[in-house]
């Protein structure tokens, strides 16, 4: 089965937040740290298992575990194993700030995780600490090295910020010269809690695309499972460079994902005005068909695009609520 929305887009990619808490204080997300706002607890391993099975039966073969910071959960390896062992799931990935990655990478690999995306917004230790509130760049880089050594597909995600890390393009790109590493630059996006920061630091990703083109990088053709990132290759480099530009024309045309929050609410878009609880359908294995019908029905509400250019950013207060 493949879910197709009213605009002809097929969906096979589930971004599942398992925890909205985060121990970093990134300036564009949680500059004042995490403050609990949800009364109920995140989904249990059993609920996650039921969710994964239901979505797999709907044709979702790729699952990304996100946060907040997913490795804040002490049962993250069990969660990964549960999802990876789900019939129909072919690929499990993890997005992380990397603070526990060196420690957890072997267990995650053994549990079935195939890929990790690691947030690294600066390669300068002092600037990294300023941007994240944590003086842990070397620990994060050690986790990236460990992941590569274990054969995990590894990507670095850097959020573009004017006047903060926009002079580091060349340094980031050089990481992909010797290693099969994907370095991805993400255009800063607005949410309710970062409006002033966004206004001061937003840098259009088209500047980076021009920089890559001028420096001999060529755009790669899209492959199965690719999301909205544009990927670039260059002779002499083992890795690649990606650009995620949500303000680009037709950015949403390749959308292939749905999102579920750590409390079991379906988000049809990162910038939706509302989300829809699925948790009541996750209490018993016998509810799988009801859950699937609910998801199929809600997909009919998905719009053709977000409305960022019009200044509409939905009801997301900060990115830790949904993991991007």
C-alpha atoms as a PDB file:
ATOM      1  CA  UNK A   1       0.000   0.000   0.000  1.00  0.00           C
ATOM      2  CA  UNK A   2       1.103   3.565  -0.689  1.00  0.00           C
ATOM      3  CA  UNK A   3      -0.640   6.620   0.734  1.00  0.00           C
ATOM      4  CA  UNK A   4      -1.173   9.370  -1.831  1.00  0.00           C
ATOM      5  CA  UNK A   5      -2.578  12.782  -0.986  1.00  0.00           C
ATOM      6  CA  UNK A   6      -4.868  14.963  -3.080  1.00  0.00           C
ATOM      7  CA  UNK A   7      -1.875  16.526  -4.835  1.00  0.00           C
ATOM      8  CA  UNK A   8      -0.375  13.245  -6.045  1.00  0.00           C
ATOM      9  CA  UNK A   9       2.401  13.043  -3.448  1.00  0.00           C
ATOM     10  CA  UNK A  10       3.274   9.588  -2.084  1.00  0.00           C
ATOM     11  CA  UNK A  11       4.128   9.104   1.586  1.00  0.00           C
ATOM     12  CA  UNK A  12       6.531   6.492   2.930  1.00  0.00           C
ATOM     13  CA  UNK A  13       8.617   8.406   5.489  1.00  0.00           C
ATOM     14  CA  UNK A  14       7.606   8.784   9.156  1.00  0.00           C
ATOM     15  CA  UNK A  15       9.389  11.289  11.373  1.00  0.00           C
ATOM     16  CA  UNK A  16       8.632  10.118  14.904  1.00  0.00           C
ATOM     17  CA  UNK A  17       9.554  12.292  17.861  1.00  0.00           C
ATOM     18  CA  UNK A  18      10.181  10.166  20.934  1.00  0.00           C
ATOM     19  CA  UNK A  19      11.006  12.999  23.368  1.00  0.00           C
ATOM     20  CA  UNK A  20      10.509  16.767  23.310  1.00  0.00           C
ATOM     21  CA  UNK A  21      13.106  17.451  26.021  1.00  0.00           C
ATOM     22  CA  UNK A  22      16.597  18.539  25.001  1.00  0.00           C
ATOM     23  CA  UNK A  23      19.756  19.203  27.012  1.00  0.00           C
ATOM     24  CA  UNK A  24      21.091  21.812  24.551  1.00  0.00           C
ATOM     25  CA  UNK A  25      20.041  25.462  24.444  1.00  0.00           C
ATOM     26  CA  UNK A  26      20.398  26.282  20.763  1.00  0.00           C
ATOM     27  CA  UNK A  27      19.785  29.959  20.075  1.00  0.00           C
ATOM     28  CA  UNK A  28      17.210  29.355  17.336  1.00  0.00           C
ATOM     29  CA  UNK A  29      15.280  26.700  19.278  1.00  0.00           C
ATOM     30  CA  UNK A  30      15.573  26.649  23.086  1.00  0.00           C
ATOM     31  CA  UNK A  31      17.784  29.619  24.038  1.00  0.00           C
ATOM     32  CA  UNK A  32      16.480  29.519  27.622  1.00  0.00           C
ATOM     33  CA  UNK A  33      16.563  25.744  27.925  1.00  0.00           C
ATOM     34  CA  UNK A  34      13.823  23.136  27.916  1.00  0.00           C
ATOM     35  CA  UNK A  35      10.741  23.659  30.103  1.00  0.00           C
ATOM     36  CA  UNK A  36       8.224  20.852  30.312  1.00  0.00           C
ATOM     37  CA  UNK A  37       4.811  21.865  28.996  1.00  0.00           C
ATOM     38  CA  UNK A  38       3.143  18.481  28.455  1.00  0.00           C
ATOM     39  CA  UNK A  39       1.329  16.873  31.373  1.00  0.00           C
ATOM     40  CA  UNK A  40       1.313  13.380  29.924  1.00  0.00           C
ATOM     41  CA  UNK A  41       4.383  11.232  29.290  1.00  0.00           C
ATOM     42  CA  UNK A  42       5.960  10.493  25.899  1.00  0.00           C
ATOM     43  CA  UNK A  43       4.826   7.407  24.017  1.00  0.00           C
ATOM     44  CA  UNK A  44       5.896   4.122  25.603  1.00  0.00           C
ATOM     45  CA  UNK A  45       7.909   1.522  23.714  1.00  0.00           C
ATOM     46  CA  UNK A  46       4.733  -0.566  23.338  1.00  0.00           C
ATOM     47  CA  UNK A  47       2.805   2.409  21.889  1.00  0.00           C
ATOM     48  CA  UNK A  48       5.695   3.176  19.531  1.00  0.00           C
ATOM     49  CA  UNK A  49       5.701  -0.431  18.369  1.00  0.00           C
ATOM     50  CA  UNK A  50       1.985  -0.321  17.554  1.00  0.00           C
ATOM     51  CA  UNK A  51       2.407   2.984  15.749  1.00  0.00           C
ATOM     52  CA  UNK A  52       5.321   1.669  13.690  1.00  0.00           C
ATOM     53  CA  UNK A  53       3.440  -1.488  12.684  1.00  0.00           C
ATOM     54  CA  UNK A  54       0.352   0.453  11.623  1.00  0.00           C
ATOM     55  CA  UNK A  55       2.351   2.920   9.544  1.00  0.00           C
ATOM     56  CA  UNK A  56       4.446   0.133   8.002  1.00  0.00           C
ATOM     57  CA  UNK A  57       1.244  -1.556   6.852  1.00  0.00           C
ATOM     58  CA  UNK A  58       0.327   1.747   5.192  1.00  0.00           C
ATOM     59  CA  UNK A  59       3.563   1.621   3.178  1.00  0.00           C
ATOM     60  CA  UNK A  60       5.882   3.642   5.407  1.00  0.00           C
ATOM     61  CA  UNK A  61       9.276   1.951   5.075  1.00  0.00           C
ATOM     62  CA  UNK A  62      11.517   4.709   6.448  1.00  0.00           C
ATOM     63  CA  UNK A  63      11.328   5.899  10.067  1.00  0.00           C
ATOM     64  CA  UNK A  64      13.413   8.659  11.607  1.00  0.00           C
ATOM     65  CA  UNK A  65      13.554   8.935  15.401  1.00  0.00           C
ATOM     66  CA  UNK A  66      13.762  12.570  16.463  1.00  0.00           C
ATOM     67  CA  UNK A  67      13.215  14.850  19.436  1.00  0.00           C
ATOM     68  CA  UNK A  68      13.865  17.236  21.178  1.00  0.00           C
ATOM     69  CA  UNK A  69      16.873  15.054  21.766  1.00  0.00           C
ATOM     70  CA  UNK A  70      15.921  11.364  21.382  1.00  0.00           C
ATOM     71  CA  UNK A  71      18.944  10.073  23.313  1.00  0.00           C
ATOM     72  CA  UNK A  72      17.668  11.834  26.438  1.00  0.00           C
ATOM     73  CA  UNK A  73      15.489   8.725  26.703  1.00  0.00           C
ATOM     74  CA  UNK A  74      17.316   5.885  28.428  1.00  0.00           C
ATOM     75  CA  UNK A  75      15.314   3.362  26.407  1.00  0.00           C
ATOM     76  CA  UNK A  76      16.281   4.834  23.018  1.00  0.00           C
ATOM     77  CA  UNK A  77      18.107   1.642  21.963  1.00  0.00           C
ATOM     78  CA  UNK A  78      15.026  -0.445  22.799  1.00  0.00           C
ATOM     79  CA  UNK A  79      12.879   1.987  20.815  1.00  0.00           C
ATOM     80  CA  UNK A  80      15.218   1.737  17.829  1.00  0.00           C
ATOM     81  CA  UNK A  81      15.222  -2.058  17.995  1.00  0.00           C
ATOM     82  CA  UNK A  82      11.429  -2.196  18.206  1.00  0.00           C
ATOM     83  CA  UNK A  83      11.014  -0.008  15.127  1.00  0.00           C
ATOM     84  CA  UNK A  84      13.799  -1.722  13.155  1.00  0.00           C
ATOM     85  CA  UNK A  85      12.252  -5.150  13.738  1.00  0.00           C
ATOM     86  CA  UNK A  86       8.875  -4.014  12.398  1.00  0.00           C
ATOM     87  CA  UNK A  87       7.895  -5.905   9.261  1.00  0.00           C
ATOM     88  CA  UNK A  88       7.942  -3.530   6.325  1.00  0.00           C
ATOM     89  CA  UNK A  89      10.352  -1.021   7.869  1.00  0.00           C
ATOM     90  CA  UNK A  90      13.489  -1.056   5.715  1.00  0.00           C
ATOM     91  CA  UNK A  91      15.374   1.888   7.168  1.00  0.00           C
ATOM     92  CA  UNK A  92      15.639   3.440  10.630  1.00  0.00           C
ATOM     93  CA  UNK A  93      17.509   6.704  11.137  1.00  0.00           C
ATOM     94  CA  UNK A  94      18.173   8.914  14.148  1.00  0.00           C
ATOM     95  CA  UNK A  95      18.514  12.701  14.439  1.00  0.00           C
ATOM     96  CA  UNK A  96      20.605  13.795  17.414  1.00  0.00           C
ATOM     97  CA  UNK A  97      22.659  16.616  18.859  1.00  0.00           C
ATOM     98  CA  UNK A  98      25.383  14.000  19.246  1.00  0.00           C
ATOM     99  CA  UNK A  99      26.183  14.419  22.913  1.00  0.00           C
ATOM    100  CA  UNK A 100      25.792  10.653  23.591  1.00  0.00           C
ATOM    101  CA  UNK A 101      26.582   9.401  20.118  1.00  0.00           C
ATOM    102  CA  UNK A 102      30.108   8.106  20.751  1.00  0.00           C
ATOM    103  CA  UNK A 103      28.734   6.028  23.623  1.00  0.00           C
ATOM    104  CA  UNK A 104      25.545   4.834  21.920  1.00  0.00           C
ATOM    105  CA  UNK A 105      26.578   4.335  18.283  1.00  0.00           C
ATOM    106  CA  UNK A 106      27.558   0.641  18.646  1.00  0.00           C
ATOM    107  CA  UNK A 107      24.294  -0.230  20.414  1.00  0.00           C
ATOM    108  CA  UNK A 108      22.215   1.771  17.956  1.00  0.00           C
ATOM    109  CA  UNK A 109      23.948   0.068  15.034  1.00  0.00           C
ATOM    110  CA  UNK A 110      23.300  -3.352  16.555  1.00  0.00           C
ATOM    111  CA  UNK A 111      19.658  -2.390  17.176  1.00  0.00           C
ATOM    112  CA  UNK A 112      19.127  -1.700  13.480  1.00  0.00           C
ATOM    113  CA  UNK A 113      19.779   2.017  13.050  1.00  0.00           C
ATOM    114  CA  UNK A 114      21.277   2.574   9.596  1.00  0.00           C
ATOM    115  CA  UNK A 115      21.834   6.332   9.571  1.00  0.00           C
ATOM    116  CA  UNK A 116      22.389   9.268  11.902  1.00  0.00           C
ATOM    117  CA  UNK A 117      21.943  12.993  11.356  1.00  0.00           C
ATOM    118  CA  UNK A 118      24.001  15.061  13.784  1.00  0.00           C
ATOM    119  CA  UNK A 119      23.390  18.740  14.455  1.00  0.00           C
ATOM    120  CA  UNK A 120      26.638  20.736  14.293  1.00  0.00           C
ATOM    121  CA  UNK A 121      26.134  24.461  13.769  1.00  0.00           C
ATOM    122  CA  UNK A 122      29.773  25.491  14.112  1.00  0.00           C
ATOM    123  CA  UNK A 123      33.191  23.847  13.890  1.00  0.00           C
ATOM    124  CA  UNK A 124      34.688  26.484  16.175  1.00  0.00           C
ATOM    125  CA  UNK A 125      34.545  25.232  19.766  1.00  0.00           C
ATOM    126  CA  UNK A 126      33.841  28.634  21.321  1.00  0.00           C
ATOM    127  CA  UNK A 127      31.150  29.487  18.779  1.00  0.00           C
ATOM    128  CA  UNK A 128      29.603  26.032  19.142  1.00  0.00           C
ATOM    129  CA  UNK A 129      29.337  26.585  22.897  1.00  0.00           C
ATOM    130  CA  UNK A 130      27.814  30.031  22.302  1.00  0.00           C
ATOM    131  CA  UNK A 131      25.233  28.676  19.880  1.00  0.00           C
ATOM    132  CA  UNK A 132      24.245  25.551  21.849  1.00  0.00           C
ATOM    133  CA  UNK A 133      24.935  26.377  25.481  1.00  0.00           C
ATOM    134  CA  UNK A 134      27.181  23.294  25.663  1.00  0.00           C
ATOM    135  CA  UNK A 135      30.971  23.174  25.399  1.00  0.00           C
ATOM    136  CA  UNK A 136      30.880  19.747  23.790  1.00  0.00           C
ATOM    137  CA  UNK A 137      32.004  20.101  20.169  1.00  0.00           C
ATOM    138  CA  UNK A 138      34.808  17.554  20.564  1.00  0.00           C
ATOM    139  CA  UNK A 139      32.421  14.991  22.064  1.00  0.00           C
ATOM    140  CA  UNK A 140      30.000  15.492  19.176  1.00  0.00           C
ATOM    141  CA  UNK A 141      32.757  15.157  16.574  1.00  0.00           C
ATOM    142  CA  UNK A 142      33.979  11.994  18.323  1.00  0.00           C
ATOM    143  CA  UNK A 143      30.471  10.566  17.958  1.00  0.00           C
ATOM    144  CA  UNK A 144      30.503  11.357  14.243  1.00  0.00           C
ATOM    145  CA  UNK A 145      33.841   9.581  13.849  1.00  0.00           C
ATOM    146  CA  UNK A 146      32.520   6.571  15.757  1.00  0.00           C
ATOM    147  CA  UNK A 147      29.420   6.407  13.567  1.00  0.00           C
ATOM    148  CA  UNK A 148      31.459   6.499  10.378  1.00  0.00           C
ATOM    149  CA  UNK A 149      33.795   3.804  11.693  1.00  0.00           C
ATOM    150  CA  UNK A 150      30.799   1.573  12.378  1.00  0.00           C
ATOM    151  CA  UNK A 151      29.459   2.001   8.852  1.00  0.00           C
ATOM    152  CA  UNK A 152      26.486   4.183   9.763  1.00  0.00           C
ATOM    153  CA  UNK A 153      25.427   6.602   7.033  1.00  0.00           C
ATOM    154  CA  UNK A 154      26.306   9.883   8.670  1.00  0.00           C
ATOM    155  CA  UNK A 155      25.100  13.401   7.951  1.00  0.00           C
ATOM    156  CA  UNK A 156      25.959  16.691   9.608  1.00  0.00           C
ATOM    157  CA  UNK A 157      23.175  19.271   9.769  1.00  0.00           C
ATOM    158  CA  UNK A 158      24.178  22.933  10.109  1.00  0.00           C
ATOM    159  CA  UNK A 159      21.551  25.667  10.348  1.00  0.00           C
ATOM    160  CA  UNK A 160      22.589  28.716   8.335  1.00  0.00           C
ATOM    161  CA  UNK A 161      22.785  31.834  10.513  1.00  0.00           C
ATOM    162  CA  UNK A 162      23.892  35.221   9.227  1.00  0.00           C
ATOM    163  CA  UNK A 163      26.781  36.647  11.190  1.00  0.00           C
ATOM    164  CA  UNK A 164      27.229  33.488  13.249  1.00  0.00           C
ATOM    165  CA  UNK A 165      28.376  30.608  11.038  1.00  0.00           C
ATOM    166  CA  UNK A 166      28.128  31.934   7.481  1.00  0.00           C
ATOM    167  CA  UNK A 167      31.932  32.230   7.235  1.00  0.00           C
ATOM    168  CA  UNK A 168      32.378  28.496   7.888  1.00  0.00           C
ATOM    169  CA  UNK A 169      31.047  27.100   4.597  1.00  0.00           C
ATOM    170  CA  UNK A 170      34.475  26.094   3.313  1.00  0.00           C
ATOM    171  CA  UNK A 171      35.437  24.482   6.593  1.00  0.00           C
ATOM    172  CA  UNK A 172      32.278  22.409   6.721  1.00  0.00           C
ATOM    173  CA  UNK A 173      32.600  21.338   3.113  1.00  0.00           C
ATOM    174  CA  UNK A 174      36.155  20.104   3.689  1.00  0.00           C
ATOM    175  CA  UNK A 175      34.772  17.514   6.107  1.00  0.00           C
ATOM    176  CA  UNK A 176      33.383  15.705   3.066  1.00  0.00           C
ATOM    177  CA  UNK A 177      36.681  15.534   1.216  1.00  0.00           C
ATOM    178  CA  UNK A 178      38.182  12.395   2.775  1.00  0.00           C
ATOM    179  CA  UNK A 179      35.164  10.795   4.415  1.00  0.00           C
ATOM    180  CA  UNK A 180      31.815   9.523   3.066  1.00  0.00           C
ATOM    181  CA  UNK A 181      30.063  12.223   5.032  1.00  0.00           C
ATOM    182  CA  UNK A 182      27.095  14.320   3.955  1.00  0.00           C
ATOM    183  CA  UNK A 183      27.225  17.923   5.129  1.00  0.00           C
ATOM    184  CA  UNK A 184      23.825  19.601   4.912  1.00  0.00           C
ATOM    185  CA  UNK A 185      23.043  23.267   5.345  1.00  0.00           C
ATOM    186  CA  UNK A 186      19.518  24.128   6.475  1.00  0.00           C
ATOM    187  CA  UNK A 187      17.980  27.541   5.945  1.00  0.00           C
ATOM    188  CA  UNK A 188      16.858  29.045   9.245  1.00  0.00           C
ATOM    189  CA  UNK A 189      13.100  28.734   9.685  1.00  0.00           C
ATOM    190  CA  UNK A 190      10.781  30.790  11.892  1.00  0.00           C
ATOM    191  CA  UNK A 191       8.651  29.487  14.748  1.00  0.00           C
ATOM    192  CA  UNK A 192       6.676  31.322  17.405  1.00  0.00           C
ATOM    193  CA  UNK A 193       9.554  31.586  19.884  1.00  0.00           C
ATOM    194  CA  UNK A 194      12.337  32.743  17.535  1.00  0.00           C
ATOM    195  CA  UNK A 195      10.809  35.578  15.511  1.00  0.00           C
ATOM    196  CA  UNK A 196      13.379  38.220  16.515  1.00  0.00           C
ATOM    197  CA  UNK A 197      16.282  35.812  16.096  1.00  0.00           C
ATOM    198  CA  UNK A 198      14.976  34.793  12.673  1.00  0.00           C
ATOM    199  CA  UNK A 199      14.640  38.401  11.545  1.00  0.00           C
ATOM    200  CA  UNK A 200      18.233  39.128  12.534  1.00  0.00           C
ATOM    201  CA  UNK A 201      19.895  35.893  11.387  1.00  0.00           C
ATOM    202  CA  UNK A 202      17.971  34.556   8.389  1.00  0.00           C
ATOM    203  CA  UNK A 203      20.201  33.889   5.387  1.00  0.00           C
ATOM    204  CA  UNK A 204      18.706  32.644   2.139  1.00  0.00           C
ATOM    205  CA  UNK A 205      20.067  29.254   1.115  1.00  0.00           C
ATOM    206  CA  UNK A 206      20.367  30.400  -2.490  1.00  0.00           C
ATOM    207  CA  UNK A 207      23.598  32.158  -1.478  1.00  0.00           C
ATOM    208  CA  UNK A 208      25.095  28.803  -0.571  1.00  0.00           C
ATOM    209  CA  UNK A 209      23.860  27.171  -3.792  1.00  0.00           C
ATOM    210  CA  UNK A 210      25.667  29.916  -5.711  1.00  0.00           C
ATOM    211  CA  UNK A 211      28.810  29.360  -3.635  1.00  0.00           C
ATOM    212  CA  UNK A 212      28.755  25.619  -4.358  1.00  0.00           C
ATOM    213  CA  UNK A 213      28.196  26.132  -8.081  1.00  0.00           C
ATOM    214  CA  UNK A 214      31.011  28.658  -8.290  1.00  0.00           C
ATOM    215  CA  UNK A 215      33.312  26.187  -6.548  1.00  0.00           C
ATOM    216  CA  UNK A 216      32.715  23.290  -8.918  1.00  0.00           C
ATOM    217  CA  UNK A 217      29.937  21.336  -7.184  1.00  0.00           C
ATOM    218  CA  UNK A 218      27.294  19.641  -9.359  1.00  0.00           C
ATOM    219  CA  UNK A 219      23.758  18.798  -8.284  1.00  0.00           C
ATOM    220  CA  UNK A 220      23.035  15.074  -7.987  1.00  0.00           C
ATOM    221  CA  UNK A 221      19.902  13.477  -9.384  1.00  0.00           C
ATOM    222  CA  UNK A 222      17.253  12.587  -6.839  1.00  0.00           C
ATOM    223  CA  UNK A 223      17.134   9.015  -5.501  1.00  0.00           C
ATOM    224  CA  UNK A 224      14.419   6.865  -3.925  1.00  0.00           C
ATOM    225  CA  UNK A 225      13.511   8.123  -0.488  1.00  0.00           C
ATOM    226  CA  UNK A 226      15.110  11.540  -0.955  1.00  0.00           C
ATOM    227  CA  UNK A 227      13.431  14.394   0.834  1.00  0.00           C
ATOM    228  CA  UNK A 228      13.518  18.069  -0.142  1.00  0.00           C
ATOM    229  CA  UNK A 229      17.304  18.474   0.141  1.00  0.00           C
ATOM    230  CA  UNK A 230      19.267  19.339  -2.994  1.00  0.00           C
ATOM    231  CA  UNK A 231      22.486  17.309  -2.971  1.00  0.00           C
ATOM    232  CA  UNK A 232      25.772  18.281  -4.600  1.00  0.00           C
ATOM    233  CA  UNK A 233      28.851  16.243  -5.555  1.00  0.00           C
ATOM    234  CA  UNK A 234      32.378  17.192  -6.607  1.00  0.00           C
ATOM    235  CA  UNK A 235      35.293  15.197  -8.010  1.00  0.00           C
ATOM    236  CA  UNK A 236      37.868  14.488  -5.337  1.00  0.00           C
ATOM    237  CA  UNK A 237      35.357  14.423  -2.489  1.00  0.00           C
ATOM    238  CA  UNK A 238      34.111  11.193  -0.904  1.00  0.00           C
ATOM    239  CA  UNK A 239      31.132  12.907   0.650  1.00  0.00           C
ATOM    240  CA  UNK A 240      28.397  15.280  -0.490  1.00  0.00           C
ATOM    241  CA  UNK A 241      26.880  18.629   0.388  1.00  0.00           C
ATOM    242  CA  UNK A 242      23.151  19.163   0.802  1.00  0.00           C
ATOM    243  CA  UNK A 243      21.024  22.296   0.945  1.00  0.00           C
ATOM    244  CA  UNK A 244      17.557  22.433   2.494  1.00  0.00           C
ATOM    245  CA  UNK A 245      15.785  25.623   1.448  1.00  0.00           C
ATOM    246  CA  UNK A 246      12.171  25.780   2.695  1.00  0.00           C
ATOM    247  CA  UNK A 247      11.574  29.134   0.983  1.00  0.00           C
ATOM    248  CA  UNK A 248      12.533  27.755  -2.433  1.00  0.00           C
ATOM    249  CA  UNK A 249       9.850  27.461  -5.097  1.00  0.00           C
ATOM    250  CA  UNK A 250       8.121  24.053  -5.119  1.00  0.00           C
ATOM    251  CA  UNK A 251       9.922  23.000  -1.906  1.00  0.00           C
ATOM    252  CA  UNK A 252       6.819  21.087  -0.790  1.00  0.00           C
ATOM    253  CA  UNK A 253       6.313  19.371  -4.140  1.00  0.00           C
ATOM    254  CA  UNK A 254       8.566  16.476  -3.091  1.00  0.00           C
ATOM    255  CA  UNK A 255       7.071  16.044   0.378  1.00  0.00           C
ATOM    256  CA  UNK A 256       7.040  12.346   1.285  1.00  0.00           C
ATOM    257  CA  UNK A 257       6.737  12.437   5.076  1.00  0.00           C
ATOM    258  CA  UNK A 258       4.320  12.638   7.939  1.00  0.00           C
ATOM    259  CA  UNK A 259       5.233  13.557  11.503  1.00  0.00           C
ATOM    260  CA  UNK A 260       4.079  12.199  14.851  1.00  0.00           C
ATOM    261  CA  UNK A 261       4.895  14.023  18.083  1.00  0.00           C
ATOM    262  CA  UNK A 262       6.273  12.402  21.207  1.00  0.00           C
ATOM    263  CA  UNK A 263       2.727  12.364  22.651  1.00  0.00           C
ATOM    264  CA  UNK A 264       1.269  10.628  19.611  1.00  0.00           C
ATOM    265  CA  UNK A 265      -0.168  13.541  17.649  1.00  0.00           C
ATOM    266  CA  UNK A 266      -0.053  13.532  13.860  1.00  0.00           C
ATOM    267  CA  UNK A 267       1.327  16.679  12.216  1.00  0.00           C
ATOM    268  CA  UNK A 268       0.612  16.897   8.520  1.00  0.00           C
ATOM    269  CA  UNK A 269       3.292  19.581   8.082  1.00  0.00           C
ATOM    270  CA  UNK A 270       6.008  20.999  10.317  1.00  0.00           C
ATOM    271  CA  UNK A 271       4.174  24.324  10.033  1.00  0.00           C
ATOM    272  CA  UNK A 272       0.629  23.034  10.560  1.00  0.00           C
ATOM    273  CA  UNK A 273      -1.843  25.109  12.512  1.00  0.00           C
ATOM    274  CA  UNK A 274      -3.033  22.002  14.364  1.00  0.00           C
ATOM    275  CA  UNK A 275      -2.166  18.414  15.122  1.00  0.00           C
ATOM    276  CA  UNK A 276      -4.361  15.368  15.594  1.00  0.00           C
ATOM    277  CA  UNK A 277      -4.103  12.864  18.415  1.00  0.00           C
ATOM    278  CA  UNK A 278      -3.592   9.212  17.539  1.00  0.00           C
ATOM    279  CA  UNK A 279      -2.789   8.046  21.037  1.00  0.00           C
ATOM    280  CA  UNK A 280      -6.198   6.590  21.808  1.00  0.00           C
ATOM    281  CA  UNK A 281      -5.633   4.139  18.927  1.00  0.00           C
ATOM    282  CA  UNK A 282      -2.300   2.924  20.365  1.00  0.00           C
ATOM    283  CA  UNK A 283      -3.548   1.143  23.477  1.00  0.00           C
ATOM    284  CA  UNK A 284      -4.252  -2.251  21.927  1.00  0.00           C
ATOM    285  CA  UNK A 285      -2.976  -4.196  18.919  1.00  0.00           C
ATOM    286  CA  UNK A 286      -6.548  -4.698  17.777  1.00  0.00           C
ATOM    287  CA  UNK A 287      -6.901  -0.961  17.075  1.00  0.00           C
ATOM    288  CA  UNK A 288      -4.467  -0.985  14.140  1.00  0.00           C
ATOM    289  CA  UNK A 289      -7.131  -0.769  11.435  1.00  0.00           C
ATOM    290  CA  UNK A 290      -8.858   2.123  13.218  1.00  0.00           C
ATOM    291  CA  UNK A 291      -5.550   3.942  13.459  1.00  0.00           C
ATOM    292  CA  UNK A 292      -4.853   3.421   9.778  1.00  0.00           C
ATOM    293  CA  UNK A 293      -8.275   4.692   8.761  1.00  0.00           C
ATOM    294  CA  UNK A 294      -7.740   7.750  10.948  1.00  0.00           C
ATOM    295  CA  UNK A 295      -4.401   8.508   9.272  1.00  0.00           C
ATOM    296  CA  UNK A 296      -5.843   8.057   5.784  1.00  0.00           C
ATOM    297  CA  UNK A 297      -8.742  10.341   6.629  1.00  0.00           C
ATOM    298  CA  UNK A 298      -6.476  13.048   8.077  1.00  0.00           C
ATOM    299  CA  UNK A 299      -4.204  12.968   5.039  1.00  0.00           C
ATOM    300  CA  UNK A 300      -7.047  14.575   3.134  1.00  0.00           C
ATOM    301  CA  UNK A 301      -6.444  17.734   5.202  1.00  0.00           C
ATOM    302  CA  UNK A 302      -2.841  18.117   4.080  1.00  0.00           C
ATOM    303  CA  UNK A 303      -2.285  21.321   2.114  1.00  0.00           C
ATOM    304  CA  UNK A 304      -0.249  21.673  -1.039  1.00  0.00           C
ATOM    305  CA  UNK A 305       2.374  23.806   0.710  1.00  0.00           C
ATOM    306  CA  UNK A 306       3.360  25.541   3.898  1.00  0.00           C
ATOM    307  CA  UNK A 307       2.746  29.288   4.111  1.00  0.00           C
ATOM    308  CA  UNK A 308       6.108  30.596   5.308  1.00  0.00           C
ATOM    309  CA  UNK A 309       6.407  33.237   2.566  1.00  0.00           C
ATOM    310  CA  UNK A 310       3.177  34.787   3.877  1.00  0.00           C
ATOM    311  CA  UNK A 311       4.577  34.849   7.412  1.00  0.00           C
ATOM    312  CA  UNK A 312       2.437  31.950   8.643  1.00  0.00           C
ATOM    313  CA  UNK A 313       4.429  29.424  10.679  1.00  0.00           C
ATOM    314  CA  UNK A 314       1.741  27.292  12.312  1.00  0.00           C
ATOM    315  CA  UNK A 315       1.407  26.517  15.992  1.00  0.00           C
ATOM    316  CA  UNK A 316       4.909  25.170  16.633  1.00  0.00           C
ATOM    317  CA  UNK A 317       6.527  27.195  19.429  1.00  0.00           C
ATOM    318  CA  UNK A 318      10.016  25.717  19.006  1.00  0.00           C
ATOM    319  CA  UNK A 319      11.622  22.935  16.981  1.00  0.00           C
ATOM    320  CA  UNK A 320      12.121  20.677  20.012  1.00  0.00           C
ATOM    321  CA  UNK A 321       8.377  20.105  19.891  1.00  0.00           C
ATOM    322  CA  UNK A 322       8.717  18.205  16.629  1.00  0.00           C
ATOM    323  CA  UNK A 323      12.343  17.614  15.662  1.00  0.00           C
ATOM    324  CA  UNK A 324      12.254  19.484  12.360  1.00  0.00           C
END
